[in-house]
Amino acid sequence: MKKSHGPAFRAAQLDLDKCPACRGRAVISGVFHELACVQCSASGWVTAETGEALPLEVLVTQLSIRLQAAEQQIDQLKRPDPVFGPDAQYNDNNRRGPGATNFTGD
């Protein structure tokens, strides 16, 4: 581990695992109603190495990092794939035809 002074410049992503007591649901079944899970502080997440609950400040940061990564992945999947090959000249306007229209060479 590298020695450093002061806080890190970037928050590192910790390995999280679902709480074994509530199985990631954040609640456990009581006799008559559901109760907040005490083992994971009702979050459903624990550290993967130790299985302990994270402090709330760290948990919020870790969940935010995971949410931003998931949103970025969703945005990448929503973007259409660029068209390559012979189809590309028919779909995109190359402005080489008369009146700056599409010229395909056919």
N, C-alpha and C. Protein backbone atom coordinates (compact mmCIF):
# COMPACT_ATOMS: atom_id res chain seq x y z
N MET A 1 0.85 -1.18 0.00
CA MET A 1 0.00 0.00 0.00
C MET A 1 0.89 1.24 0.00
N LYS A 2 0.54 2.21 -0.80
CA LYS A 2 1.31 3.43 -0.93
C LYS A 2 0.97 4.38 0.21
N LYS A 3 2.02 4.98 0.78
CA LYS A 3 1.81 5.96 1.85
C LYS A 3 1.32 7.27 1.26
N SER A 4 0.42 7.91 1.95
CA SER A 4 -0.07 9.21 1.51
C SER A 4 -0.49 10.02 2.72
N HIS A 5 -0.46 11.31 2.55
CA HIS A 5 -0.87 12.23 3.60
C HIS A 5 -2.16 12.90 3.19
N GLY A 6 -3.12 12.95 4.07
CA GLY A 6 -4.38 13.60 3.77
C GLY A 6 -5.34 12.69 3.06
N PRO A 7 -6.51 13.22 2.71
CA PRO A 7 -7.52 12.40 2.04
C PRO A 7 -7.14 12.12 0.59
N ALA A 8 -7.75 11.09 0.04
CA ALA A 8 -7.50 10.74 -1.35
C ALA A 8 -8.15 11.78 -2.26
N PHE A 9 -7.58 11.94 -3.46
CA PHE A 9 -8.13 12.91 -4.41
C PHE A 9 -9.43 12.41 -5.01
N ARG A 10 -9.55 11.11 -5.16
CA ARG A 10 -10.76 10.51 -5.71
C ARG A 10 -11.25 9.44 -4.77
N ALA A 11 -12.54 9.29 -4.67
CA ALA A 11 -13.11 8.23 -3.83
C ALA A 11 -12.95 6.90 -4.57
N ALA A 12 -12.37 5.92 -3.89
CA ALA A 12 -12.16 4.60 -4.49
C ALA A 12 -13.44 3.79 -4.36
N GLN A 13 -13.71 2.98 -5.38
CA GLN A 13 -14.90 2.13 -5.32
C GLN A 13 -14.58 0.89 -4.52
N LEU A 14 -15.35 0.66 -3.47
CA LEU A 14 -15.17 -0.51 -2.62
C LEU A 14 -16.00 -1.67 -3.16
N ASP A 15 -15.55 -2.88 -2.85
CA ASP A 15 -16.32 -4.05 -3.22
C ASP A 15 -17.46 -4.23 -2.22
N LEU A 16 -18.68 -4.19 -2.72
CA LEU A 16 -19.85 -4.37 -1.88
C LEU A 16 -20.49 -5.71 -2.18
N ASP A 17 -21.18 -6.24 -1.19
CA ASP A 17 -21.88 -7.51 -1.35
C ASP A 17 -23.24 -7.36 -0.68
N LYS A 18 -24.19 -8.18 -1.09
CA LYS A 18 -25.51 -8.14 -0.47
C LYS A 18 -25.41 -8.64 0.96
N CYS A 19 -26.20 -8.07 1.83
CA CYS A 19 -26.22 -8.46 3.23
C CYS A 19 -26.71 -9.91 3.35
N PRO A 20 -25.98 -10.75 4.07
CA PRO A 20 -26.41 -12.15 4.18
C PRO A 20 -27.66 -12.32 5.04
N ALA A 21 -27.93 -11.40 5.95
CA ALA A 21 -29.09 -11.53 6.83
C ALA A 21 -30.39 -11.24 6.08
N CYS A 22 -30.41 -10.14 5.33
CA CYS A 22 -31.64 -9.75 4.63
C CYS A 22 -31.58 -10.06 3.15
N ARG A 23 -30.47 -10.57 2.65
CA ARG A 23 -30.26 -10.90 1.24
C ARG A 23 -30.45 -9.69 0.32
N GLY A 24 -30.01 -8.53 0.79
CA GLY A 24 -30.06 -7.32 -0.02
C GLY A 24 -31.39 -6.60 -0.02
N ARG A 25 -32.35 -7.04 0.77
CA ARG A 25 -33.68 -6.42 0.78
C ARG A 25 -33.79 -5.26 1.75
N ALA A 26 -32.87 -5.13 2.70
CA ALA A 26 -32.83 -4.07 3.71
C ALA A 26 -33.85 -4.26 4.83
N VAL A 27 -34.70 -5.27 4.73
CA VAL A 27 -35.65 -5.57 5.79
C VAL A 27 -35.66 -7.08 6.05
N ILE A 28 -36.00 -7.44 7.27
CA ILE A 28 -36.15 -8.85 7.61
C ILE A 28 -37.57 -9.08 8.09
N SER A 29 -38.05 -10.28 7.94
CA SER A 29 -39.44 -10.58 8.32
C SER A 29 -39.54 -10.78 9.82
N GLY A 30 -40.42 -9.99 10.42
CA GLY A 30 -40.73 -10.17 11.82
C GLY A 30 -41.93 -11.09 11.95
N VAL A 31 -42.49 -11.18 13.15
CA VAL A 31 -43.65 -12.04 13.36
C VAL A 31 -44.87 -11.47 12.62
N PHE A 32 -45.10 -10.18 12.75
CA PHE A 32 -46.29 -9.58 12.15
C PHE A 32 -45.97 -8.59 11.01
N HIS A 33 -44.78 -8.03 11.02
CA HIS A 33 -44.43 -7.06 9.99
C HIS A 33 -42.92 -7.11 9.72
N GLU A 34 -42.49 -6.39 8.71
CA GLU A 34 -41.08 -6.37 8.36
C GLU A 34 -40.33 -5.35 9.21
N LEU A 35 -39.10 -5.72 9.61
CA LEU A 35 -38.26 -4.86 10.43
C LEU A 35 -37.02 -4.46 9.65
N ALA A 36 -36.47 -3.29 9.96
CA ALA A 36 -35.24 -2.84 9.32
C ALA A 36 -34.09 -3.76 9.74
N CYS A 37 -33.28 -4.15 8.80
CA CYS A 37 -32.15 -5.05 9.07
C CYS A 37 -31.10 -4.31 9.90
N VAL A 38 -30.72 -4.90 11.01
CA VAL A 38 -29.76 -4.29 11.91
C VAL A 38 -28.33 -4.55 11.43
N GLN A 39 -28.09 -5.66 10.78
CA GLN A 39 -26.74 -6.04 10.37
C GLN A 39 -26.17 -5.11 9.30
N CYS A 40 -27.00 -4.62 8.40
CA CYS A 40 -26.52 -3.75 7.32
C CYS A 40 -27.02 -2.31 7.46
N SER A 41 -27.58 -1.94 8.58
CA SER A 41 -28.15 -0.61 8.83
C SER A 41 -29.24 -0.29 7.83
N ALA A 42 -30.03 -1.28 7.47
CA ALA A 42 -31.18 -1.16 6.57
C ALA A 42 -30.80 -0.62 5.20
N SER A 43 -29.62 -1.01 4.71
CA SER A 43 -29.20 -0.59 3.37
C SER A 43 -29.19 -1.76 2.40
N GLY A 44 -28.99 -2.97 2.88
CA GLY A 44 -28.91 -4.14 2.02
C GLY A 44 -27.52 -4.41 1.51
N TRP A 45 -26.54 -3.56 1.85
CA TRP A 45 -25.17 -3.70 1.37
C TRP A 45 -24.19 -3.77 2.54
N VAL A 46 -23.18 -4.61 2.40
CA VAL A 46 -22.08 -4.73 3.37
C VAL A 46 -20.77 -4.79 2.59
N THR A 47 -19.65 -4.61 3.28
CA THR A 47 -18.36 -4.74 2.61
C THR A 47 -18.12 -6.20 2.26
N ALA A 48 -17.54 -6.43 1.11
CA ALA A 48 -17.32 -7.80 0.63
C ALA A 48 -16.26 -8.52 1.46
N GLU A 49 -15.23 -7.81 1.92
CA GLU A 49 -14.15 -8.46 2.65
C GLU A 49 -14.56 -8.86 4.06
N THR A 50 -15.18 -7.95 4.80
CA THR A 50 -15.46 -8.20 6.21
C THR A 50 -16.92 -8.54 6.49
N GLY A 51 -17.82 -8.13 5.64
CA GLY A 51 -19.24 -8.37 5.87
C GLY A 51 -19.85 -7.41 6.87
N GLU A 52 -19.17 -6.32 7.15
CA GLU A 52 -19.67 -5.32 8.11
C GLU A 52 -20.43 -4.23 7.38
N ALA A 53 -21.32 -3.59 8.10
CA ALA A 53 -22.09 -2.47 7.54
C ALA A 53 -21.16 -1.28 7.34
N LEU A 54 -21.41 -0.52 6.29
CA LEU A 54 -20.63 0.68 6.02
C LEU A 54 -21.21 1.86 6.78
N PRO A 55 -20.36 2.82 7.18
CA PRO A 55 -20.91 4.06 7.73
C PRO A 55 -21.76 4.75 6.66
N LEU A 56 -22.75 5.49 7.07
CA LEU A 56 -23.70 6.08 6.12
C LEU A 56 -23.04 7.01 5.12
N GLU A 57 -22.02 7.79 5.55
CA GLU A 57 -21.35 8.71 4.63
C GLU A 57 -20.64 7.92 3.53
N VAL A 58 -19.99 6.83 3.89
CA VAL A 58 -19.27 6.00 2.91
C VAL A 58 -20.27 5.27 2.02
N LEU A 59 -21.36 4.80 2.60
CA LEU A 59 -22.37 4.07 1.84
C LEU A 59 -23.00 4.96 0.76
N VAL A 60 -23.31 6.19 1.10
CA VAL A 60 -23.90 7.11 0.13
C VAL A 60 -22.93 7.35 -1.02
N THR A 61 -21.66 7.54 -0.71
CA THR A 61 -20.65 7.76 -1.74
C THR A 61 -20.52 6.54 -2.64
N GLN A 62 -20.47 5.34 -2.06
CA GLN A 62 -20.31 4.12 -2.84
C GLN A 62 -21.52 3.86 -3.74
N LEU A 63 -22.71 4.10 -3.22
CA LEU A 63 -23.91 3.90 -4.03
C LEU A 63 -23.99 4.93 -5.16
N SER A 64 -23.53 6.14 -4.90
CA SER A 64 -23.50 7.16 -5.95
C SER A 64 -22.52 6.78 -7.05
N ILE A 65 -21.36 6.25 -6.68
CA ILE A 65 -20.38 5.81 -7.68
C ILE A 65 -20.97 4.70 -8.54
N ARG A 66 -21.64 3.74 -7.90
CA ARG A 66 -22.26 2.64 -8.64
C ARG A 66 -23.38 3.13 -9.54
N LEU A 67 -24.18 4.08 -9.07
CA LEU A 67 -25.27 4.62 -9.88
C LEU A 67 -24.74 5.36 -11.10
N GLN A 68 -23.70 6.16 -10.93
CA GLN A 68 -23.12 6.88 -12.06
C GLN A 68 -22.55 5.91 -13.09
N ALA A 69 -21.91 4.83 -12.64
CA ALA A 69 -21.36 3.84 -13.56
C ALA A 69 -22.49 3.14 -14.32
N ALA A 70 -23.58 2.83 -13.63
CA ALA A 70 -24.72 2.17 -14.28
C ALA A 70 -25.38 3.10 -15.29
N GLU A 71 -25.53 4.38 -14.95
CA GLU A 71 -26.12 5.34 -15.89
C GLU A 71 -25.23 5.52 -17.13
N GLN A 72 -23.93 5.53 -16.94
CA GLN A 72 -23.01 5.64 -18.07
C GLN A 72 -23.12 4.42 -18.98
N GLN A 73 -23.25 3.25 -18.38
CA GLN A 73 -23.39 2.03 -19.17
C GLN A 73 -24.72 2.03 -19.94
N ILE A 74 -25.78 2.51 -19.32
CA ILE A 74 -27.08 2.60 -19.99
C ILE A 74 -27.00 3.57 -21.17
N ASP A 75 -26.33 4.71 -20.98
CA ASP A 75 -26.19 5.68 -22.07
C ASP A 75 -25.41 5.09 -23.24
N GLN A 76 -24.38 4.29 -22.94
CA GLN A 76 -23.62 3.66 -24.02
C GLN A 76 -24.46 2.64 -24.77
N LEU A 77 -25.33 1.94 -24.07
CA LEU A 77 -26.18 0.95 -24.73
C LEU A 77 -27.29 1.60 -25.55
N LYS A 78 -27.70 2.81 -25.17
CA LYS A 78 -28.76 3.51 -25.90
C LYS A 78 -28.26 4.11 -27.20
N ARG A 79 -26.97 4.43 -27.27
CA ARG A 79 -26.43 5.03 -28.49
C ARG A 79 -26.47 4.02 -29.62
N PRO A 80 -26.90 4.45 -30.80
CA PRO A 80 -26.90 3.52 -31.93
C PRO A 80 -25.47 3.23 -32.37
N ASP A 81 -25.26 2.02 -32.83
CA ASP A 81 -23.96 1.64 -33.33
C ASP A 81 -23.67 2.37 -34.62
N PRO A 82 -22.44 2.83 -34.82
CA PRO A 82 -22.13 3.48 -36.09
C PRO A 82 -22.20 2.45 -37.22
N VAL A 83 -22.71 2.90 -38.36
CA VAL A 83 -22.89 2.01 -39.49
C VAL A 83 -21.60 2.00 -40.31
N PHE A 84 -21.11 0.81 -40.62
CA PHE A 84 -19.91 0.65 -41.44
C PHE A 84 -20.27 -0.13 -42.70
N GLY A 85 -19.41 -0.05 -43.68
CA GLY A 85 -19.61 -0.84 -44.89
C GLY A 85 -20.48 -0.12 -45.90
N PRO A 86 -21.09 -0.90 -46.80
CA PRO A 86 -21.86 -0.31 -47.89
C PRO A 86 -23.11 0.43 -47.41
N ASP A 87 -23.65 0.05 -46.27
CA ASP A 87 -24.86 0.73 -45.78
C ASP A 87 -24.58 2.17 -45.36
N ALA A 88 -23.36 2.48 -45.00
CA ALA A 88 -23.04 3.81 -44.48
C ALA A 88 -23.29 4.89 -45.52
N GLN A 89 -22.97 4.64 -46.78
CA GLN A 89 -23.14 5.68 -47.78
C GLN A 89 -24.60 5.91 -48.13
N TYR A 90 -25.48 4.98 -47.84
CA TYR A 90 -26.90 5.17 -48.12
C TYR A 90 -27.64 5.85 -46.97
N ASN A 91 -27.15 5.68 -45.76
CA ASN A 91 -27.85 6.22 -44.60
C ASN A 91 -27.43 7.64 -44.26
N ASP A 92 -26.17 7.98 -44.46
CA ASP A 92 -25.67 9.30 -44.09
C ASP A 92 -25.56 10.18 -45.32
N ASN A 93 -25.78 11.47 -45.12
CA ASN A 93 -25.68 12.44 -46.20
C ASN A 93 -24.23 12.86 -46.35
N ASN A 94 -23.65 12.62 -47.53
CA ASN A 94 -22.27 13.02 -47.78
C ASN A 94 -22.15 14.35 -48.51
N ARG A 95 -23.28 14.97 -48.87
CA ARG A 95 -23.36 16.29 -49.50
C ARG A 95 -22.55 16.37 -50.79
N ARG A 96 -22.42 15.29 -51.54
CA ARG A 96 -21.66 15.29 -52.79
C ARG A 96 -22.56 15.30 -54.02
N GLY A 97 -23.85 15.21 -53.85
CA GLY A 97 -24.76 15.18 -54.97
C GLY A 97 -25.21 16.57 -55.36
N PRO A 98 -26.09 16.66 -56.37
CA PRO A 98 -26.59 17.97 -56.79
C PRO A 98 -27.42 18.61 -55.68
N GLY A 99 -27.14 19.87 -55.40
CA GLY A 99 -27.85 20.58 -54.33
C GLY A 99 -27.46 20.07 -52.96
N ALA A 100 -26.24 19.57 -52.84
CA ALA A 100 -25.71 19.04 -51.57
C ALA A 100 -26.54 17.89 -51.04
N THR A 101 -27.05 17.06 -51.96
CA THR A 101 -27.78 15.88 -51.54
C THR A 101 -26.82 14.70 -51.45
N ASN A 102 -27.34 13.57 -51.12
CA ASN A 102 -26.52 12.38 -50.94
C ASN A 102 -26.17 11.78 -52.31
N PHE A 103 -24.90 11.47 -52.55
CA PHE A 103 -24.45 10.81 -53.77
C PHE A 103 -23.93 9.45 -53.41
N THR A 104 -24.52 8.41 -54.01
CA THR A 104 -24.11 7.05 -53.70
C THR A 104 -23.26 6.43 -54.79
N GLY A 105 -23.23 6.99 -55.97
CA GLY A 105 -22.41 6.46 -57.04
C GLY A 105 -23.10 5.40 -57.85
N ASP A 106 -24.37 5.18 -57.65
CA ASP A 106 -25.11 4.15 -58.41
C ASP A 106 -25.45 4.63 -59.79
